[in-house]
């Protein structure tokens, strides 16, 4: 059995201006800060002689490969992304970048922001536009009903508030 894994789908090509800034900051930190430091450490470890048993050298080379891989990914991804700073439609409907408050049948409220797959963070209330809930909410207007299939069964939500900042 080989180690081949098919490439995963890259997701929607949309990102908020804040998300783009985070990815660009990560790219800068990796390329301009961390990579030069790791390169110096690898050079110093290589100067010590026998590289086959030199942990600093082996770990440093591995870390360089990881950094280079992430930098390649970030550069390609940033080139293919579309920054969305304004709603793609009417402001009274849920579009990319909206803060949406939804209420379930028991009256419990949740607040989510619809963002791109590169910037979702559930702990911060950000869900991907490619997620089941994100896809179900897109295009809905105030007081619209949304049904989501979950492992426990179908849950019903109502859109109670839509905001754009």
C-alpha atoms as a PDB file:
ATOM      1  CA  UNK A   1       0.000   0.000   0.000  1.00  0.00           C
ATOM      2  CA  UNK A   2       1.447   3.333  -1.043  1.00  0.00           C
ATOM      3  CA  UNK A   3       1.477   6.619   0.776  1.00  0.00           C
ATOM      4  CA  UNK A   4      -0.309   8.459  -2.030  1.00  0.00           C
ATOM      5  CA  UNK A   5      -3.184  10.650  -0.953  1.00  0.00           C
ATOM      6  CA  UNK A   6      -5.259  12.438  -3.539  1.00  0.00           C
ATOM      7  CA  UNK A   7      -5.096  16.217  -3.182  1.00  0.00           C
ATOM      8  CA  UNK A   8      -7.950  17.708  -1.208  1.00  0.00           C
ATOM      9  CA  UNK A   9     -10.291  20.193  -2.799  1.00  0.00           C
ATOM     10  CA  UNK A  10      -9.078  23.742  -2.226  1.00  0.00           C
ATOM     11  CA  UNK A  11     -12.498  25.139  -1.321  1.00  0.00           C
ATOM     12  CA  UNK A  12     -14.110  28.376  -2.368  1.00  0.00           C
ATOM     13  CA  UNK A  13     -11.700  31.042  -3.623  1.00  0.00           C
ATOM     14  CA  UNK A  14     -13.081  33.774  -1.345  1.00  0.00           C
ATOM     15  CA  UNK A  15     -11.503  35.472   1.653  1.00  0.00           C
ATOM     16  CA  UNK A  16     -12.220  38.503   3.808  1.00  0.00           C
ATOM     17  CA  UNK A  17      -9.676  41.370   3.942  1.00  0.00           C
ATOM     18  CA  UNK A  18      -8.851  40.363   7.528  1.00  0.00           C
ATOM     19  CA  UNK A  19      -8.246  36.755   6.482  1.00  0.00           C
ATOM     20  CA  UNK A  20      -5.969  37.835   3.650  1.00  0.00           C
ATOM     21  CA  UNK A  21      -3.958  39.989   6.077  1.00  0.00           C
ATOM     22  CA  UNK A  22      -3.498  36.994   8.399  1.00  0.00           C
ATOM     23  CA  UNK A  23      -2.273  34.761   5.551  1.00  0.00           C
ATOM     24  CA  UNK A  24       0.102  37.469   4.278  1.00  0.00           C
ATOM     25  CA  UNK A  25       1.456  37.979   7.822  1.00  0.00           C
ATOM     26  CA  UNK A  26       2.048  34.230   8.135  1.00  0.00           C
ATOM     27  CA  UNK A  27       3.835  34.173   4.779  1.00  0.00           C
ATOM     28  CA  UNK A  28       6.027  37.119   5.804  1.00  0.00           C
ATOM     29  CA  UNK A  29       6.847  35.575   9.198  1.00  0.00           C
ATOM     30  CA  UNK A  30       7.801  32.252   7.637  1.00  0.00           C
ATOM     31  CA  UNK A  31       9.841  33.644   4.749  1.00  0.00           C
ATOM     32  CA  UNK A  32      11.497  36.708   6.294  1.00  0.00           C
ATOM     33  CA  UNK A  33      11.805  35.737   9.967  1.00  0.00           C
ATOM     34  CA  UNK A  34      11.718  32.013  10.682  1.00  0.00           C
ATOM     35  CA  UNK A  35      13.411  30.650   7.542  1.00  0.00           C
ATOM     36  CA  UNK A  36      16.566  32.792   7.898  1.00  0.00           C
ATOM     37  CA  UNK A  37      16.877  31.745  11.568  1.00  0.00           C
ATOM     38  CA  UNK A  38      16.499  28.045  10.729  1.00  0.00           C
ATOM     39  CA  UNK A  39      18.977  28.397   7.844  1.00  0.00           C
ATOM     40  CA  UNK A  40      21.570  29.866  10.214  1.00  0.00           C
ATOM     41  CA  UNK A  41      20.983  27.035  12.700  1.00  0.00           C
ATOM     42  CA  UNK A  42      21.366  24.408   9.955  1.00  0.00           C
ATOM     43  CA  UNK A  43      24.572  26.039   8.723  1.00  0.00           C
ATOM     44  CA  UNK A  44      25.989  26.068  12.250  1.00  0.00           C
ATOM     45  CA  UNK A  45      25.004  22.430  12.766  1.00  0.00           C
ATOM     46  CA  UNK A  46      26.554  21.441   9.423  1.00  0.00           C
ATOM     47  CA  UNK A  47      29.820  23.060  10.471  1.00  0.00           C
ATOM     48  CA  UNK A  48      30.024  20.647  13.427  1.00  0.00           C
ATOM     49  CA  UNK A  49      30.907  17.741  11.187  1.00  0.00           C
ATOM     50  CA  UNK A  50      29.098  14.391  10.925  1.00  0.00           C
ATOM     51  CA  UNK A  51      25.636  15.240   9.657  1.00  0.00           C
ATOM     52  CA  UNK A  52      24.185  11.726   9.808  1.00  0.00           C
ATOM     53  CA  UNK A  53      23.917  11.788  13.616  1.00  0.00           C
ATOM     54  CA  UNK A  54      23.517  15.525  14.114  1.00  0.00           C
ATOM     55  CA  UNK A  55      20.020  16.104  15.526  1.00  0.00           C
ATOM     56  CA  UNK A  56      20.150  19.874  15.054  1.00  0.00           C
ATOM     57  CA  UNK A  57      21.049  19.435  11.395  1.00  0.00           C
ATOM     58  CA  UNK A  58      18.414  16.744  10.739  1.00  0.00           C
ATOM     59  CA  UNK A  59      15.643  18.639  12.544  1.00  0.00           C
ATOM     60  CA  UNK A  60      16.656  21.927  10.886  1.00  0.00           C
ATOM     61  CA  UNK A  61      16.524  20.423   7.388  1.00  0.00           C
ATOM     62  CA  UNK A  62      13.128  18.907   8.162  1.00  0.00           C
ATOM     63  CA  UNK A  63      11.847  22.273   9.425  1.00  0.00           C
ATOM     64  CA  UNK A  64      13.163  24.000   6.274  1.00  0.00           C
ATOM     65  CA  UNK A  65      11.197  21.553   4.126  1.00  0.00           C
ATOM     66  CA  UNK A  66       8.054  22.251   6.182  1.00  0.00           C
ATOM     67  CA  UNK A  67       8.528  26.028   5.870  1.00  0.00           C
ATOM     68  CA  UNK A  68       9.173  25.823   2.121  1.00  0.00           C
ATOM     69  CA  UNK A  69       6.099  23.662   1.630  1.00  0.00           C
ATOM     70  CA  UNK A  70       3.863  26.066   3.557  1.00  0.00           C
ATOM     71  CA  UNK A  71       5.347  29.091   1.734  1.00  0.00           C
ATOM     72  CA  UNK A  72       4.628  27.464  -1.656  1.00  0.00           C
ATOM     73  CA  UNK A  73       1.063  26.716  -0.564  1.00  0.00           C
ATOM     74  CA  UNK A  74       0.472  30.252   0.755  1.00  0.00           C
ATOM     75  CA  UNK A  75       1.857  31.911  -2.382  1.00  0.00           C
ATOM     76  CA  UNK A  76      -0.290  29.780  -4.695  1.00  0.00           C
ATOM     77  CA  UNK A  77      -3.369  30.184  -2.533  1.00  0.00           C
ATOM     78  CA  UNK A  78      -3.010  33.959  -2.148  1.00  0.00           C
ATOM     79  CA  UNK A  79      -2.656  34.313  -5.930  1.00  0.00           C
ATOM     80  CA  UNK A  80      -5.910  32.400  -6.488  1.00  0.00           C
ATOM     81  CA  UNK A  81      -8.037  34.061  -3.784  1.00  0.00           C
ATOM     82  CA  UNK A  82     -10.626  36.778  -4.331  1.00  0.00           C
ATOM     83  CA  UNK A  83     -10.857  39.317  -1.521  1.00  0.00           C
ATOM     84  CA  UNK A  84     -14.484  40.132  -0.768  1.00  0.00           C
ATOM     85  CA  UNK A  85     -14.914  43.353   1.194  1.00  0.00           C
ATOM     86  CA  UNK A  86     -18.539  44.157   0.300  1.00  0.00           C
ATOM     87  CA  UNK A  87     -21.648  41.948   0.298  1.00  0.00           C
ATOM     88  CA  UNK A  88     -22.157  40.101  -2.976  1.00  0.00           C
ATOM     89  CA  UNK A  89     -25.834  41.058  -3.029  1.00  0.00           C
ATOM     90  CA  UNK A  90     -28.520  42.829  -1.045  1.00  0.00           C
ATOM     91  CA  UNK A  91     -27.556  43.727   2.524  1.00  0.00           C
ATOM     92  CA  UNK A  92     -30.782  42.233   3.894  1.00  0.00           C
ATOM     93  CA  UNK A  93     -29.668  38.738   2.860  1.00  0.00           C
ATOM     94  CA  UNK A  94     -26.876  36.494   4.102  1.00  0.00           C
ATOM     95  CA  UNK A  95     -23.791  36.687   1.884  1.00  0.00           C
ATOM     96  CA  UNK A  96     -20.100  36.087   2.312  1.00  0.00           C
ATOM     97  CA  UNK A  97     -18.688  38.111   5.219  1.00  0.00           C
ATOM     98  CA  UNK A  98     -22.004  38.536   7.050  1.00  0.00           C
ATOM     99  CA  UNK A  99     -22.464  38.134  10.786  1.00  0.00           C
ATOM    100  CA  UNK A 100     -25.604  36.010  11.169  1.00  0.00           C
ATOM    101  CA  UNK A 101     -27.548  35.364  14.354  1.00  0.00           C
ATOM    102  CA  UNK A 102     -29.648  32.221  14.216  1.00  0.00           C
ATOM    103  CA  UNK A 103     -32.114  30.797  16.726  1.00  0.00           C
ATOM    104  CA  UNK A 104     -33.071  27.154  17.143  1.00  0.00           C
ATOM    105  CA  UNK A 105     -36.481  25.730  18.066  1.00  0.00           C
ATOM    106  CA  UNK A 106     -35.661  25.961  21.806  1.00  0.00           C
ATOM    107  CA  UNK A 107     -34.872  29.691  21.526  1.00  0.00           C
ATOM    108  CA  UNK A 108     -31.084  29.308  21.861  1.00  0.00           C
ATOM    109  CA  UNK A 109     -29.160  31.826  19.760  1.00  0.00           C
ATOM    110  CA  UNK A 110     -25.830  31.434  17.971  1.00  0.00           C
ATOM    111  CA  UNK A 111     -23.868  34.090  16.081  1.00  0.00           C
ATOM    112  CA  UNK A 112     -21.671  33.125  13.120  1.00  0.00           C
ATOM    113  CA  UNK A 113     -19.665  34.921  10.483  1.00  0.00           C
ATOM    114  CA  UNK A 114     -19.593  33.407   6.994  1.00  0.00           C
ATOM    115  CA  UNK A 115     -15.932  33.356   5.868  1.00  0.00           C
ATOM    116  CA  UNK A 116     -13.705  31.458   3.445  1.00  0.00           C
ATOM    117  CA  UNK A 117     -12.307  27.979   4.061  1.00  0.00           C
ATOM    118  CA  UNK A 118      -8.837  29.420   4.758  1.00  0.00           C
ATOM    119  CA  UNK A 119      -9.971  31.484   7.734  1.00  0.00           C
ATOM    120  CA  UNK A 120     -12.745  29.632   9.560  1.00  0.00           C
ATOM    121  CA  UNK A 121     -12.335  29.336  13.312  1.00  0.00           C
ATOM    122  CA  UNK A 122     -15.306  27.913  15.197  1.00  0.00           C
ATOM    123  CA  UNK A 123     -14.040  29.194  18.565  1.00  0.00           C
ATOM    124  CA  UNK A 124     -14.187  32.761  17.142  1.00  0.00           C
ATOM    125  CA  UNK A 125     -17.644  32.255  15.627  1.00  0.00           C
ATOM    126  CA  UNK A 126     -16.382  31.995  12.038  1.00  0.00           C
ATOM    127  CA  UNK A 127     -17.705  29.232   9.787  1.00  0.00           C
ATOM    128  CA  UNK A 128     -16.737  28.392   6.243  1.00  0.00           C
ATOM    129  CA  UNK A 129     -19.039  29.223   3.370  1.00  0.00           C
ATOM    130  CA  UNK A 130     -18.368  25.618   2.270  1.00  0.00           C
ATOM    131  CA  UNK A 131     -19.678  24.103   5.543  1.00  0.00           C
ATOM    132  CA  UNK A 132     -23.208  22.656   5.616  1.00  0.00           C
ATOM    133  CA  UNK A 133     -24.473  25.490   7.830  1.00  0.00           C
ATOM    134  CA  UNK A 134     -22.651  28.124   5.769  1.00  0.00           C
ATOM    135  CA  UNK A 135     -24.087  26.793   2.498  1.00  0.00           C
ATOM    136  CA  UNK A 136     -27.584  26.606   4.010  1.00  0.00           C
ATOM    137  CA  UNK A 137     -27.429  30.220   5.243  1.00  0.00           C
ATOM    138  CA  UNK A 138     -26.145  31.838   2.031  1.00  0.00           C
ATOM    139  CA  UNK A 139     -28.860  33.817   0.278  1.00  0.00           C
ATOM    140  CA  UNK A 140     -31.334  33.606   3.154  1.00  0.00           C
ATOM    141  CA  UNK A 141     -33.133  36.701   4.373  1.00  0.00           C
ATOM    142  CA  UNK A 142     -34.304  37.754   7.815  1.00  0.00           C
ATOM    143  CA  UNK A 143     -36.762  35.332   9.492  1.00  0.00           C
ATOM    144  CA  UNK A 144     -35.938  32.604   6.947  1.00  0.00           C
ATOM    145  CA  UNK A 145     -36.065  29.009   8.136  1.00  0.00           C
ATOM    146  CA  UNK A 146     -32.996  26.808   7.652  1.00  0.00           C
ATOM    147  CA  UNK A 147     -32.942  23.005   8.055  1.00  0.00           C
ATOM    148  CA  UNK A 148     -29.585  21.340   8.670  1.00  0.00           C
ATOM    149  CA  UNK A 149     -28.910  17.595   8.623  1.00  0.00           C
ATOM    150  CA  UNK A 150     -26.806  16.647  11.681  1.00  0.00           C
ATOM    151  CA  UNK A 151     -25.786  13.265  13.103  1.00  0.00           C
ATOM    152  CA  UNK A 152     -28.626  13.626  15.637  1.00  0.00           C
ATOM    153  CA  UNK A 153     -31.157  14.371  12.903  1.00  0.00           C
ATOM    154  CA  UNK A 154     -32.515  17.450  11.179  1.00  0.00           C
ATOM    155  CA  UNK A 155     -32.275  20.709  13.150  1.00  0.00           C
ATOM    156  CA  UNK A 156     -34.249  23.813  12.266  1.00  0.00           C
ATOM    157  CA  UNK A 157     -32.915  27.350  12.657  1.00  0.00           C
ATOM    158  CA  UNK A 158     -34.380  30.779  12.049  1.00  0.00           C
ATOM    159  CA  UNK A 159     -32.316  33.777  10.885  1.00  0.00           C
ATOM    160  CA  UNK A 160     -32.908  36.549  13.445  1.00  0.00           C
ATOM    161  CA  UNK A 161     -30.221  39.098  12.574  1.00  0.00           C
ATOM    162  CA  UNK A 162     -27.897  39.888   9.645  1.00  0.00           C
ATOM    163  CA  UNK A 163     -25.013  42.368  10.009  1.00  0.00           C
ATOM    164  CA  UNK A 164     -22.148  43.537   7.839  1.00  0.00           C
ATOM    165  CA  UNK A 165     -19.216  45.419   9.399  1.00  0.00           C
END
